[in-house]
Amino acid sequence: MTLMMTDTRTETVSVVDRAHPLAAGAPVVAAHFLGHTAVFVLGEEAMLFVEPEGEPRRIAVHDGAILATAADNKRIVSGGDDGKVATTDAKGKTRTLATDPKHRWIDHVALGPDASVAWSAGKTAFVQAKELREFEAPSTVGALAFLPKGFRLAIAHYNGATLWFPNAAAAPEFLEWKGSHLGAIVSPDGRFLVTAMQEPMLHGWRVADRKHMRMSGYSARVTSLGWSAGGDWLATSGAPQLILWPFQSKDGPMGKEPRVLAPSEHRVETVACHPRQDIVAAGYGDGMVLFVRIQDGAEILGKKSGAAPVSALAWSADGRFLAFGTEDGEAGVLDLA
């Protein structure tokens, strides 16, 4: 499937009529796909499962707010303010993986190799593989991300990030940069770690030599990040345009300007990169969703403006479906076949 795009906003093609809308009944805080089943994570307690030809099913997962989720096309792992880490499969079957002994909130979760799971509560990061391991960070954990090579976890926190081998005796590697790091993403080839700061900027390190990268110029804190299909571009929210940083070379974006596409009067709030093509779905503060082709900035309208910002976007693994959700519970699934 190839999306065909026009070259100017005034001629933007629309696929709005391909959406299957639904009312989620609560703010949508995240979206995932399990096969072709779209799953909308609601702010409180439940997830909404939507199959292509089925009726929506509301599945209770936590006793309270759902604070973090991660998915791998077969399961969704979630953390809540009930102190539980849960896993939910495509049939909606949920089981508890862990309960924090101090009943702390589970702030972040991540999925790693060989069905491993990481989560954090306060300053403590946990990894469950064959055995449960834990690491005490210098401060409250701001984000978690597994590296693609080796069993290694990046832990963002105040004044930097730590690279930790849960199954090795080697000392964790500390990457320093002043400030509060609240998001983390690792390039698909494992060469770069990028964190989102409390300030409207990103910071990055080349893992091999700890070389620093500063990515600034945003109008708001960056809360959504995603790699293009080949890993050449890092798409980000936080500006009234889609910002893409180049990572093709060995130096990544060092000394380079980002590509700036799809300008709007409203900020980009959420991004999701197509799994196979160099196309980014961008969700805006006015509720609009655009498909943007990286090569030339051509656009397709996926969702018209609404009453609330887009808070969640997710592609199915084959790139056929896009799920979207907003802060006021408007949701839908676009079938692009």
Protein backbone atom coordinates (compact mmCIF):
# COMPACT_ATOMS: atom_id res chain seq x y z
CA MET A 1 0.00 0.00 0.00
CA THR A 2 1.36 3.39 -1.04
CA LEU A 3 -0.17 6.68 0.01
CA MET A 4 -0.46 9.06 -2.92
CA MET A 5 0.08 12.68 -1.94
CA THR A 6 -0.31 16.12 -3.45
CA ASP A 7 2.21 18.90 -3.17
CA THR A 8 0.39 21.84 -1.59
CA ARG A 9 -1.98 22.34 1.38
CA THR A 10 -4.66 23.87 -0.84
CA GLU A 11 -4.77 20.67 -2.87
CA THR A 12 -4.51 18.30 0.09
CA VAL A 13 -6.18 14.97 -0.58
CA SER A 14 -8.45 13.70 2.19
CA VAL A 15 -8.99 10.15 3.44
CA VAL A 16 -11.27 11.31 6.25
CA ASP A 17 -14.12 9.21 4.82
CA ARG A 18 -12.08 6.05 5.43
CA ALA A 19 -12.26 6.52 9.19
CA HIS A 20 -14.41 4.37 11.46
CA PRO A 21 -15.23 6.83 14.26
CA LEU A 22 -16.13 5.93 17.82
CA ALA A 23 -16.66 7.63 21.14
CA ALA A 24 -14.10 6.34 23.62
CA GLY A 25 -16.05 7.76 26.56
CA ALA A 26 -12.89 9.04 28.26
CA PRO A 27 -9.63 10.80 27.35
CA VAL A 28 -7.39 8.63 25.16
CA VAL A 29 -3.85 8.62 26.59
CA ALA A 30 -2.28 6.09 24.20
CA ALA A 31 -3.09 3.80 21.28
CA HIS A 32 -1.62 0.49 20.12
CA PHE A 33 -2.33 -2.34 17.70
CA LEU A 34 -2.42 -6.04 18.46
CA GLY A 35 -2.55 -7.44 14.96
CA HIS A 36 -5.39 -5.52 13.33
CA THR A 37 -7.13 -4.88 16.66
CA ALA A 38 -6.82 -1.24 17.70
CA VAL A 39 -6.49 -0.67 21.43
CA PHE A 40 -7.24 2.74 22.92
CA VAL A 41 -5.78 3.26 26.38
CA LEU A 42 -8.12 5.35 28.48
CA GLY A 43 -7.00 7.60 31.28
CA GLU A 44 -8.79 5.62 33.97
CA GLU A 45 -8.80 1.85 34.50
CA ALA A 46 -9.68 0.54 31.06
CA MET A 47 -8.66 -0.10 27.47
CA LEU A 48 -11.04 -0.07 24.51
CA PHE A 49 -10.49 -2.91 22.01
CA VAL A 50 -11.74 -2.30 18.46
CA GLU A 51 -11.56 -5.04 15.84
CA PRO A 52 -12.07 -4.23 12.12
CA GLU A 53 -15.54 -5.80 12.01
CA GLY A 54 -16.41 -6.07 15.69
CA GLU A 55 -18.09 -4.02 18.38
CA PRO A 56 -15.81 -2.11 20.75
CA ARG A 57 -14.97 -3.98 23.96
CA ARG A 58 -14.05 -2.15 27.15
CA ILE A 59 -11.55 -4.14 29.23
CA ALA A 60 -10.79 -3.14 32.82
CA VAL A 61 -7.05 -3.42 33.44
CA HIS A 62 -6.13 -1.25 36.45
CA ASP A 63 -7.80 0.00 39.60
CA GLY A 64 -7.15 3.65 38.84
CA ALA A 65 -5.22 5.70 36.31
CA ILE A 66 -3.16 4.03 33.58
CA LEU A 67 0.15 5.91 33.62
CA ALA A 68 2.27 4.10 31.01
CA THR A 69 1.96 1.51 28.24
CA ALA A 70 4.16 -0.28 25.72
CA ALA A 71 3.22 -2.86 23.08
CA ASP A 72 4.86 -5.35 20.70
CA ASN A 73 1.91 -6.35 18.44
CA LYS A 74 1.11 -9.35 20.67
CA ARG A 75 0.57 -7.78 24.08
CA ILE A 76 0.29 -4.49 25.86
CA VAL A 77 2.19 -3.96 29.10
CA SER A 78 0.80 -1.24 31.33
CA GLY A 79 1.59 0.47 34.61
CA GLY A 80 -0.89 2.19 36.88
CA ASP A 81 -1.27 4.24 40.01
CA ASP A 82 -2.50 1.05 41.67
CA GLY A 83 1.15 -0.07 41.81
CA LYS A 84 0.61 -2.89 39.31
CA VAL A 85 2.32 -3.91 36.08
CA ALA A 86 -0.14 -5.77 33.86
CA THR A 87 -0.04 -7.49 30.48
CA THR A 88 -3.05 -7.71 28.17
CA ASP A 89 -3.31 -9.82 25.01
CA ALA A 90 -5.39 -9.40 21.85
CA LYS A 91 -8.32 -11.30 23.36
CA GLY A 92 -8.44 -8.86 26.26
CA LYS A 93 -7.07 -11.34 28.78
CA THR A 94 -5.18 -9.46 31.49
CA ARG A 95 -2.81 -10.72 34.15
CA THR A 96 -0.65 -8.96 36.71
CA LEU A 97 3.10 -9.25 36.10
CA ALA A 98 4.20 -7.45 39.25
CA THR A 99 2.95 -5.36 42.14
CA ASP A 100 5.20 -2.77 43.69
CA PRO A 101 5.91 -3.83 47.28
CA LYS A 102 5.61 -0.20 48.43
CA HIS A 103 2.45 0.36 46.34
CA ARG A 104 4.16 3.17 44.41
CA TRP A 105 2.87 4.38 41.07
CA ILE A 106 4.30 2.58 38.02
CA ASP A 107 5.45 5.59 36.03
CA HIS A 108 7.13 4.03 32.98
CA VAL A 109 7.23 0.68 31.15
CA ALA A 110 9.28 -0.69 28.25
CA LEU A 111 9.46 -3.96 26.31
CA GLY A 112 12.80 -5.62 25.58
CA PRO A 113 14.22 -8.71 23.89
CA ASP A 114 13.07 -12.24 24.72
CA ALA A 115 9.79 -11.07 26.28
CA SER A 116 11.58 -9.01 28.94
CA VAL A 117 9.79 -6.11 30.58
CA ALA A 118 11.12 -3.01 32.36
CA TRP A 119 9.22 -0.65 34.61
CA SER A 120 9.93 2.05 37.13
CA ALA A 121 8.50 3.27 40.42
CA GLY A 122 10.05 6.41 41.87
CA LYS A 123 13.85 6.14 41.67
CA THR A 124 13.84 2.35 41.09
CA ALA A 125 13.99 0.68 37.69
CA PHE A 126 13.09 -3.00 37.42
CA VAL A 127 13.72 -5.54 34.67
CA GLN A 128 11.94 -8.87 34.56
CA ALA A 129 13.54 -11.46 32.28
CA LYS A 130 14.54 -14.86 33.62
CA GLU A 131 15.07 -13.14 36.95
CA LEU A 132 13.93 -9.84 38.46
CA ARG A 133 16.67 -7.20 38.58
CA GLU A 134 16.50 -3.68 39.94
CA PHE A 135 18.56 -0.50 39.73
CA GLU A 136 18.41 2.56 41.94
CA ALA A 137 18.71 5.69 39.79
CA PRO A 138 20.22 8.94 41.12
CA SER A 139 16.74 10.51 41.03
CA THR A 140 13.19 9.74 39.92
CA VAL A 141 13.19 7.81 36.65
CA GLY A 142 12.00 9.99 33.76
CA ALA A 143 11.84 7.37 31.00
CA LEU A 144 12.96 3.86 29.98
CA ALA A 145 14.14 2.51 26.61
CA PHE A 146 15.84 -0.76 25.68
CA LEU A 147 18.77 -0.67 23.28
CA PRO A 148 18.28 -2.92 20.23
CA LYS A 149 21.63 -4.72 20.62
CA GLY A 150 22.48 -6.65 23.75
CA PHE A 151 20.39 -6.71 26.90
CA ARG A 152 20.80 -3.08 27.89
CA LEU A 153 18.40 -0.50 29.28
CA ALA A 154 18.59 3.28 29.03
CA ILE A 155 17.22 5.05 32.11
CA ALA A 156 16.56 8.80 31.89
CA HIS A 157 16.65 10.84 35.10
CA TYR A 158 17.69 14.22 36.45
CA ASN A 159 21.03 15.44 35.05
CA GLY A 160 21.38 12.72 32.43
CA ALA A 161 20.79 9.07 31.64
CA THR A 162 22.24 5.73 32.69
CA LEU A 163 22.96 2.72 30.47
CA TRP A 164 22.51 -0.47 32.49
CA PHE A 165 23.20 -4.13 31.68
CA PRO A 166 20.75 -5.93 34.04
CA ASN A 167 22.45 -9.31 33.64
CA ALA A 168 26.08 -8.14 33.76
CA ALA A 169 28.43 -7.20 36.57
CA ALA A 170 29.71 -4.22 34.61
CA ALA A 171 29.14 -0.85 36.23
CA PRO A 172 26.32 1.21 34.70
CA GLU A 173 27.47 3.94 32.32
CA PHE A 174 26.39 7.47 33.23
CA LEU A 175 25.73 10.02 30.47
CA GLU A 176 25.66 13.51 31.94
CA TRP A 177 23.71 16.56 30.89
CA LYS A 178 22.26 19.07 33.32
CA GLY A 179 18.50 19.24 33.61
CA SER A 180 15.45 17.01 33.84
CA HIS A 181 15.18 14.24 31.22
CA LEU A 182 11.56 13.09 30.83
CA GLY A 183 11.57 10.99 27.64
CA ALA A 184 13.97 8.55 25.99
CA ILE A 185 14.30 6.88 22.60
CA VAL A 186 17.13 4.83 21.07
CA SER A 187 17.87 4.77 17.34
CA PRO A 188 17.02 1.47 15.62
CA ASP A 189 20.73 0.78 15.03
CA GLY A 190 21.55 1.49 18.68
CA ARG A 191 24.04 4.27 17.89
CA PHE A 192 22.17 7.18 19.49
CA LEU A 193 20.20 7.84 22.65
CA VAL A 194 17.93 10.89 22.59
CA THR A 195 16.10 12.30 25.59
CA ALA A 196 13.32 14.87 25.83
CA MET A 197 14.02 17.60 28.37
CA GLN A 198 11.71 19.47 30.70
CA GLU A 199 12.76 22.51 28.67
CA PRO A 200 11.60 22.73 25.02
CA MET A 201 14.58 20.85 23.62
CA LEU A 202 16.08 17.41 23.05
CA HIS A 203 19.46 16.14 24.09
CA GLY A 204 21.33 13.23 22.56
CA TRP A 205 24.45 11.14 22.92
CA ARG A 206 26.33 9.02 20.45
CA VAL A 207 26.56 5.87 22.55
CA ALA A 208 30.01 4.79 21.35
CA ASP A 209 31.86 7.92 22.51
CA ARG A 210 29.25 9.91 24.51
CA LYS A 211 29.40 12.75 22.00
CA HIS A 212 26.69 15.31 22.82
CA MET A 213 23.91 16.58 20.57
CA ARG A 214 21.61 19.49 21.39
CA MET A 215 18.38 19.85 19.45
CA SER A 216 16.55 23.07 20.32
CA GLY A 217 14.19 25.65 18.86
CA TYR A 218 10.89 24.18 20.04
CA SER A 219 7.99 26.26 21.32
CA ALA A 220 6.91 23.62 23.87
CA ARG A 221 8.23 20.53 25.62
CA VAL A 222 8.62 17.56 23.28
CA THR A 223 6.30 14.76 24.41
CA SER A 224 6.15 12.55 21.31
CA LEU A 225 9.06 11.03 19.36
CA GLY A 226 9.33 8.43 16.61
CA TRP A 227 11.84 6.98 14.15
CA SER A 228 11.12 6.82 10.44
CA ALA A 229 10.91 3.37 8.86
CA GLY A 230 14.62 3.23 8.02
CA GLY A 231 15.79 5.11 11.11
CA ASP A 232 17.09 8.03 9.03
CA TRP A 233 14.81 10.62 10.65
CA LEU A 234 13.58 11.36 14.17
CA ALA A 235 10.08 12.87 14.06
CA THR A 236 9.05 15.05 16.99
CA SER A 237 6.20 17.09 18.44
CA GLY A 238 6.59 20.42 20.25
CA ALA A 239 6.33 22.99 17.44
CA PRO A 240 3.68 24.32 15.02
CA GLN A 241 5.40 22.23 12.35
CA LEU A 242 6.52 18.63 12.06
CA ILE A 243 10.21 18.64 13.03
CA LEU A 244 12.46 15.85 11.67
CA TRP A 245 16.10 15.52 12.69
CA PRO A 246 18.52 13.77 10.30
CA PHE A 247 20.31 10.66 11.59
CA GLN A 248 21.67 9.23 8.33
CA SER A 249 25.34 9.98 9.00
CA LYS A 250 27.70 8.78 11.71
CA ASP A 251 27.37 12.18 13.42
CA GLY A 252 23.58 12.18 13.41
CA PRO A 253 22.16 15.72 13.53
CA MET A 254 25.38 17.32 14.80
CA GLY A 255 25.83 20.59 12.89
CA LYS A 256 22.71 20.00 10.79
CA GLU A 257 19.33 21.72 10.59
CA PRO A 258 16.12 19.71 10.94
CA ARG A 259 13.60 19.26 8.17
CA VAL A 260 10.50 21.36 8.92
CA LEU A 261 7.23 20.22 7.32
CA ALA A 262 3.44 20.63 7.55
CA PRO A 263 3.22 24.07 9.24
CA SER A 264 0.04 24.95 11.09
CA GLU A 265 -1.38 27.54 13.47
CA HIS A 266 -1.48 24.77 16.08
CA ARG A 267 1.33 22.72 17.57
CA VAL A 268 2.06 19.13 16.65
CA GLU A 269 1.14 17.15 19.78
CA THR A 270 1.65 13.56 18.65
CA VAL A 271 3.66 11.79 15.93
CA ALA A 272 3.64 8.24 14.60
CA CYS A 273 5.92 7.02 11.80
CA HIS A 274 4.64 4.59 9.19
CA PRO A 275 6.31 1.20 9.77
CA ARG A 276 7.34 0.71 6.12
CA GLN A 277 7.28 4.04 4.29
CA ASP A 278 8.87 7.43 4.98
CA ILE A 279 5.56 8.91 6.05
CA VAL A 280 4.66 10.46 9.39
CA ALA A 281 1.20 10.83 10.91
CA ALA A 282 1.09 14.11 12.82
CA GLY A 283 -1.65 15.00 15.29
CA TYR A 284 -2.21 18.68 16.06
CA GLY A 285 -3.52 20.73 18.96
CA ASP A 286 -6.75 21.51 17.07
CA GLY A 287 -7.54 17.81 16.58
CA MET A 288 -6.33 17.55 12.97
CA VAL A 289 -4.32 14.56 11.72
CA LEU A 290 -2.09 14.87 8.65
CA PHE A 291 -0.07 12.24 6.81
CA VAL A 292 3.19 13.86 5.75
CA ARG A 293 5.67 12.42 3.26
CA ILE A 294 9.22 13.09 4.45
CA GLN A 295 10.78 13.32 0.99
CA ASP A 296 8.85 16.37 -0.20
CA GLY A 297 6.41 17.35 2.55
CA ALA A 298 3.32 16.33 0.59
CA GLU A 299 0.22 15.92 2.77
CA ILE A 300 -2.98 13.93 3.12
CA LEU A 301 -5.71 14.92 5.56
CA GLY A 302 -6.59 12.01 7.85
CA LYS A 303 -8.82 13.75 10.36
CA LYS A 304 -10.41 17.18 10.37
CA SER A 305 -10.00 19.62 13.24
CA GLY A 306 -12.08 18.92 16.33
CA ALA A 307 -12.69 20.10 19.86
CA ALA A 308 -9.54 18.75 21.53
CA PRO A 309 -5.86 18.01 20.80
CA VAL A 310 -4.81 14.68 19.32
CA SER A 311 -3.35 12.69 22.23
CA ALA A 312 -2.67 9.29 20.62
CA LEU A 313 -1.67 7.88 17.23
CA ALA A 314 -0.64 4.33 16.30
CA TRP A 315 -0.04 2.34 13.11
CA SER A 316 -0.74 -1.34 12.66
CA ALA A 317 2.44 -3.31 11.95
CA ASP A 318 1.59 -3.65 8.25
CA GLY A 319 0.79 0.05 7.88
CA ARG A 320 -2.80 -0.56 6.78
CA PHE A 321 -4.55 0.99 9.78
CA LEU A 322 -4.00 4.17 11.79
CA ALA A 323 -5.71 4.65 15.15
CA PHE A 324 -6.22 8.15 16.57
CA GLY A 325 -7.56 9.45 19.84
CA THR A 326 -8.05 12.85 21.45
CA GLU A 327 -8.09 14.37 24.91
CA ASP A 328 -11.89 14.55 24.93
CA GLY A 329 -12.48 10.92 23.89
CA GLU A 330 -12.96 11.30 20.15
CA ALA A 331 -11.36 8.29 18.48
CA GLY A 332 -11.30 6.31 15.28
CA VAL A 333 -9.49 3.89 12.99
CA LEU A 334 -8.49 4.82 9.44
CA ASP A 335 -8.39 1.92 6.95
CA LEU A 336 -5.88 2.88 4.25
CA ALA A 337 -6.07 -0.32 2.21
